[in-house]
Amino acid sequence: MGLGWMAWTWPTAAFFVFVFACIATMGFLEWRVPGGAPRHGILGLDTTRGDRLFISLLGSAFIFLGWLGVMGTPLWGGLAISLAWMTFVFWKV
């Protein structure tokens, strides 16, 4: 049982598992501890937890694409920048 039937690689599958895990975690957190009122952040946006998750995932996708375009592989540097971006978004945005 491999992922060859869909032409996926294991990193691609891990990415989608991570995204689905993030969405499931956010759903559980919202059910367990409702988010309340939106927070006004440094970018001037009123955001909820779900908005911040979306912004961080979208930004991370662009960071990885930029890293691939400029530096190529391996992607460890892009991962470090993406984790810093996600931390920033959930902390300040």
N, C-alpha and C. Protein backbone atom coordinates (compact mmCIF):
# COMPACT_ATOMS: atom_id res chain seq x y z
N MET A 1 0.85 -1.18 0.00
CA MET A 1 0.00 0.00 0.00
C MET A 1 0.89 1.23 0.00
N GLY A 2 0.99 1.86 -1.12
CA GLY A 2 1.79 3.07 -1.24
C GLY A 2 0.92 4.21 -1.73
N LEU A 3 1.58 5.30 -1.99
CA LEU A 3 0.87 6.46 -2.52
C LEU A 3 1.08 6.60 -4.02
N GLY A 4 1.68 5.60 -4.65
CA GLY A 4 1.98 5.67 -6.07
C GLY A 4 0.75 5.76 -6.96
N TRP A 5 -0.35 5.25 -6.52
CA TRP A 5 -1.56 5.28 -7.34
C TRP A 5 -2.08 6.70 -7.54
N MET A 6 -1.67 7.64 -6.70
CA MET A 6 -2.07 9.04 -6.86
C MET A 6 -0.90 9.91 -7.27
N ALA A 7 0.27 9.33 -7.48
CA ALA A 7 1.49 10.05 -7.81
C ALA A 7 1.86 11.04 -6.71
N TRP A 8 1.56 10.69 -5.47
CA TRP A 8 1.92 11.52 -4.32
C TRP A 8 3.24 11.04 -3.75
N THR A 9 3.90 11.93 -3.08
CA THR A 9 5.08 11.55 -2.33
C THR A 9 4.71 11.57 -0.85
N TRP A 10 5.57 11.00 -0.02
CA TRP A 10 5.30 11.00 1.42
C TRP A 10 5.31 12.41 1.99
N PRO A 11 6.19 13.32 1.55
CA PRO A 11 6.09 14.69 2.07
C PRO A 11 4.78 15.38 1.70
N THR A 12 4.24 15.08 0.53
CA THR A 12 2.95 15.65 0.14
C THR A 12 1.85 15.13 1.05
N ALA A 13 1.86 13.85 1.30
CA ALA A 13 0.86 13.27 2.21
C ALA A 13 1.01 13.83 3.61
N ALA A 14 2.25 14.01 4.08
CA ALA A 14 2.48 14.57 5.41
C ALA A 14 1.96 16.01 5.49
N PHE A 15 2.11 16.76 4.40
CA PHE A 15 1.59 18.13 4.37
C PHE A 15 0.08 18.13 4.54
N PHE A 16 -0.62 17.29 3.80
CA PHE A 16 -2.07 17.27 3.92
C PHE A 16 -2.53 16.75 5.28
N VAL A 17 -1.82 15.79 5.83
CA VAL A 17 -2.14 15.33 7.19
C VAL A 17 -1.97 16.48 8.18
N PHE A 18 -0.90 17.27 8.01
CA PHE A 18 -0.67 18.42 8.89
C PHE A 18 -1.80 19.44 8.77
N VAL A 19 -2.22 19.76 7.55
CA VAL A 19 -3.30 20.74 7.35
C VAL A 19 -4.60 20.23 7.98
N PHE A 20 -4.93 18.97 7.75
CA PHE A 20 -6.16 18.41 8.33
C PHE A 20 -6.07 18.36 9.85
N ALA A 21 -4.88 18.07 10.39
CA ALA A 21 -4.70 18.07 11.85
C ALA A 21 -4.88 19.47 12.41
N CYS A 22 -4.38 20.48 11.70
CA CYS A 22 -4.57 21.88 12.15
C CYS A 22 -6.04 22.25 12.17
N ILE A 23 -6.76 21.87 11.13
CA ILE A 23 -8.18 22.18 11.07
C ILE A 23 -8.94 21.45 12.16
N ALA A 24 -8.61 20.18 12.38
CA ALA A 24 -9.27 19.41 13.45
C ALA A 24 -8.95 20.00 14.82
N THR A 25 -7.71 20.41 15.03
CA THR A 25 -7.33 21.03 16.31
C THR A 25 -8.08 22.33 16.53
N MET A 26 -8.18 23.14 15.49
CA MET A 26 -8.93 24.40 15.61
C MET A 26 -10.41 24.13 15.89
N GLY A 27 -10.97 23.14 15.24
CA GLY A 27 -12.36 22.79 15.50
C GLY A 27 -12.57 22.34 16.93
N PHE A 28 -11.64 21.51 17.42
CA PHE A 28 -11.74 21.05 18.81
C PHE A 28 -11.58 22.22 19.78
N LEU A 29 -10.61 23.09 19.53
CA LEU A 29 -10.42 24.25 20.41
C LEU A 29 -11.64 25.17 20.42
N GLU A 30 -12.23 25.36 19.26
CA GLU A 30 -13.41 26.23 19.18
C GLU A 30 -14.59 25.60 19.91
N TRP A 31 -14.69 24.29 19.84
CA TRP A 31 -15.76 23.60 20.56
C TRP A 31 -15.51 23.64 22.06
N ARG A 32 -14.27 23.41 22.46
CA ARG A 32 -13.92 23.32 23.88
C ARG A 32 -13.82 24.69 24.54
N VAL A 33 -13.13 25.63 23.88
CA VAL A 33 -12.93 26.98 24.41
C VAL A 33 -13.28 27.96 23.29
N PRO A 34 -14.53 28.40 23.22
CA PRO A 34 -14.93 29.31 22.14
C PRO A 34 -14.01 30.54 22.07
N GLY A 35 -13.72 30.95 20.84
CA GLY A 35 -12.75 32.02 20.60
C GLY A 35 -13.16 33.39 21.08
N GLY A 36 -14.45 33.64 21.18
CA GLY A 36 -14.88 34.94 21.65
C GLY A 36 -14.79 35.99 20.56
N ALA A 37 -14.56 37.21 20.97
CA ALA A 37 -14.52 38.34 20.04
C ALA A 37 -13.24 38.32 19.22
N PRO A 38 -13.30 38.83 18.00
CA PRO A 38 -12.09 38.93 17.19
C PRO A 38 -11.06 39.86 17.85
N ARG A 39 -9.81 39.60 17.54
CA ARG A 39 -8.69 40.38 18.09
C ARG A 39 -8.15 41.30 17.01
N HIS A 40 -7.87 42.56 17.37
CA HIS A 40 -7.31 43.54 16.44
C HIS A 40 -5.80 43.46 16.52
N GLY A 41 -5.17 43.11 15.41
CA GLY A 41 -3.74 42.87 15.43
C GLY A 41 -2.91 43.94 14.75
N ILE A 42 -1.64 43.64 14.61
CA ILE A 42 -0.66 44.58 14.09
C ILE A 42 -0.91 44.92 12.61
N LEU A 43 -1.50 44.01 11.87
CA LEU A 43 -1.78 44.28 10.45
C LEU A 43 -3.04 45.10 10.25
N GLY A 44 -3.72 45.44 11.33
CA GLY A 44 -4.94 46.23 11.24
C GLY A 44 -6.18 45.41 10.92
N LEU A 45 -6.08 44.12 11.09
CA LEU A 45 -7.20 43.24 10.80
C LEU A 45 -7.83 42.75 12.10
N ASP A 46 -9.13 42.56 12.09
CA ASP A 46 -9.81 41.88 13.19
C ASP A 46 -9.87 40.40 12.82
N THR A 47 -9.16 39.57 13.59
CA THR A 47 -9.05 38.15 13.23
C THR A 47 -9.47 37.25 14.39
N THR A 48 -9.99 36.10 14.01
CA THR A 48 -10.28 35.03 14.96
C THR A 48 -9.17 33.98 14.82
N ARG A 49 -9.23 32.92 15.63
CA ARG A 49 -8.22 31.87 15.53
C ARG A 49 -8.20 31.23 14.15
N GLY A 50 -9.36 31.01 13.59
CA GLY A 50 -9.43 30.41 12.26
C GLY A 50 -8.83 31.31 11.20
N ASP A 51 -9.07 32.61 11.30
CA ASP A 51 -8.46 33.56 10.36
C ASP A 51 -6.95 33.52 10.46
N ARG A 52 -6.44 33.48 11.68
CA ARG A 52 -4.99 33.45 11.88
C ARG A 52 -4.40 32.14 11.35
N LEU A 53 -5.12 31.04 11.49
CA LEU A 53 -4.65 29.77 10.93
C LEU A 53 -4.58 29.87 9.41
N PHE A 54 -5.61 30.43 8.79
CA PHE A 54 -5.62 30.57 7.34
C PHE A 54 -4.48 31.46 6.87
N ILE A 55 -4.29 32.61 7.53
CA ILE A 55 -3.22 33.53 7.15
C ILE A 55 -1.86 32.86 7.30
N SER A 56 -1.67 32.11 8.38
CA SER A 56 -0.37 31.47 8.60
C SER A 56 -0.12 30.35 7.59
N LEU A 57 -1.14 29.56 7.25
CA LEU A 57 -0.95 28.49 6.26
C LEU A 57 -0.71 29.06 4.87
N LEU A 58 -1.45 30.09 4.50
CA LEU A 58 -1.26 30.71 3.19
C LEU A 58 0.12 31.35 3.09
N GLY A 59 0.51 32.06 4.14
CA GLY A 59 1.84 32.67 4.15
C GLY A 59 2.94 31.62 4.09
N SER A 60 2.75 30.51 4.79
CA SER A 60 3.74 29.44 4.77
C SER A 60 3.87 28.84 3.38
N ALA A 61 2.76 28.71 2.68
CA ALA A 61 2.83 28.19 1.31
C ALA A 61 3.66 29.10 0.42
N PHE A 62 3.48 30.40 0.54
CA PHE A 62 4.27 31.34 -0.26
C PHE A 62 5.73 31.35 0.18
N ILE A 63 5.98 31.20 1.46
CA ILE A 63 7.37 31.13 1.95
C ILE A 63 8.07 29.91 1.35
N PHE A 64 7.41 28.77 1.35
CA PHE A 64 8.01 27.57 0.79
C PHE A 64 8.22 27.70 -0.72
N LEU A 65 7.26 28.29 -1.43
CA LEU A 65 7.45 28.49 -2.87
C LEU A 65 8.60 29.43 -3.15
N GLY A 66 8.70 30.50 -2.36
CA GLY A 66 9.82 31.43 -2.52
C GLY A 66 11.15 30.77 -2.22
N TRP A 67 11.18 29.94 -1.17
CA TRP A 67 12.41 29.24 -0.81
C TRP A 67 12.82 28.30 -1.94
N LEU A 68 11.86 27.57 -2.49
CA LEU A 68 12.17 26.66 -3.59
C LEU A 68 12.69 27.42 -4.80
N GLY A 69 12.08 28.58 -5.08
CA GLY A 69 12.50 29.36 -6.24
C GLY A 69 13.89 29.96 -6.08
N VAL A 70 14.26 30.36 -4.88
CA VAL A 70 15.53 31.03 -4.67
C VAL A 70 16.63 30.06 -4.25
N MET A 71 16.34 29.19 -3.28
CA MET A 71 17.37 28.34 -2.69
C MET A 71 17.31 26.89 -3.15
N GLY A 72 16.15 26.42 -3.58
CA GLY A 72 16.01 25.02 -3.94
C GLY A 72 15.84 24.14 -2.71
N THR A 73 16.23 22.89 -2.84
CA THR A 73 16.12 21.97 -1.71
C THR A 73 17.45 21.90 -0.99
N PRO A 74 17.49 21.50 0.25
CA PRO A 74 16.44 21.09 1.17
C PRO A 74 15.63 22.28 1.69
N LEU A 75 14.51 21.97 2.26
CA LEU A 75 13.55 23.00 2.67
C LEU A 75 13.61 23.35 4.16
N TRP A 76 14.67 22.97 4.86
CA TRP A 76 14.73 23.22 6.30
C TRP A 76 14.71 24.71 6.62
N GLY A 77 15.36 25.52 5.81
CA GLY A 77 15.34 26.97 6.03
C GLY A 77 13.94 27.53 5.85
N GLY A 78 13.24 27.07 4.82
CA GLY A 78 11.86 27.49 4.60
C GLY A 78 10.95 27.07 5.74
N LEU A 79 11.20 25.89 6.28
CA LEU A 79 10.42 25.41 7.43
C LEU A 79 10.65 26.31 8.64
N ALA A 80 11.90 26.69 8.89
CA ALA A 80 12.19 27.56 10.03
C ALA A 80 11.52 28.92 9.87
N ILE A 81 11.58 29.47 8.67
CA ILE A 81 10.92 30.77 8.42
C ILE A 81 9.41 30.63 8.56
N SER A 82 8.84 29.54 8.06
CA SER A 82 7.40 29.32 8.16
C SER A 82 6.95 29.18 9.61
N LEU A 83 7.71 28.47 10.42
CA LEU A 83 7.36 28.34 11.83
C LEU A 83 7.44 29.68 12.55
N ALA A 84 8.45 30.48 12.19
CA ALA A 84 8.55 31.83 12.76
C ALA A 84 7.35 32.68 12.32
N TRP A 85 6.94 32.55 11.05
CA TRP A 85 5.79 33.29 10.54
C TRP A 85 4.52 32.88 11.27
N MET A 86 4.33 31.57 11.46
CA MET A 86 3.13 31.10 12.15
C MET A 86 3.10 31.60 13.60
N THR A 87 4.25 31.59 14.25
CA THR A 87 4.33 32.11 15.61
C THR A 87 3.98 33.58 15.65
N PHE A 88 4.52 34.34 14.70
CA PHE A 88 4.23 35.77 14.62
C PHE A 88 2.73 36.02 14.39
N VAL A 89 2.14 35.28 13.47
CA VAL A 89 0.73 35.48 13.14
C VAL A 89 -0.16 35.20 14.36
N PHE A 90 0.08 34.11 15.06
CA PHE A 90 -0.77 33.78 16.20
C PHE A 90 -0.50 34.68 17.40
N TRP A 91 0.67 35.29 17.43
CA TRP A 91 1.03 36.14 18.56
C TRP A 91 0.60 37.59 18.34
N LYS A 92 0.81 38.12 17.12
CA LYS A 92 0.60 39.56 16.88
C LYS A 92 -0.57 39.90 15.97
N VAL A 93 -0.97 39.02 15.09
CA VAL A 93 -1.99 39.41 14.09
C VAL A 93 -3.38 39.27 14.66
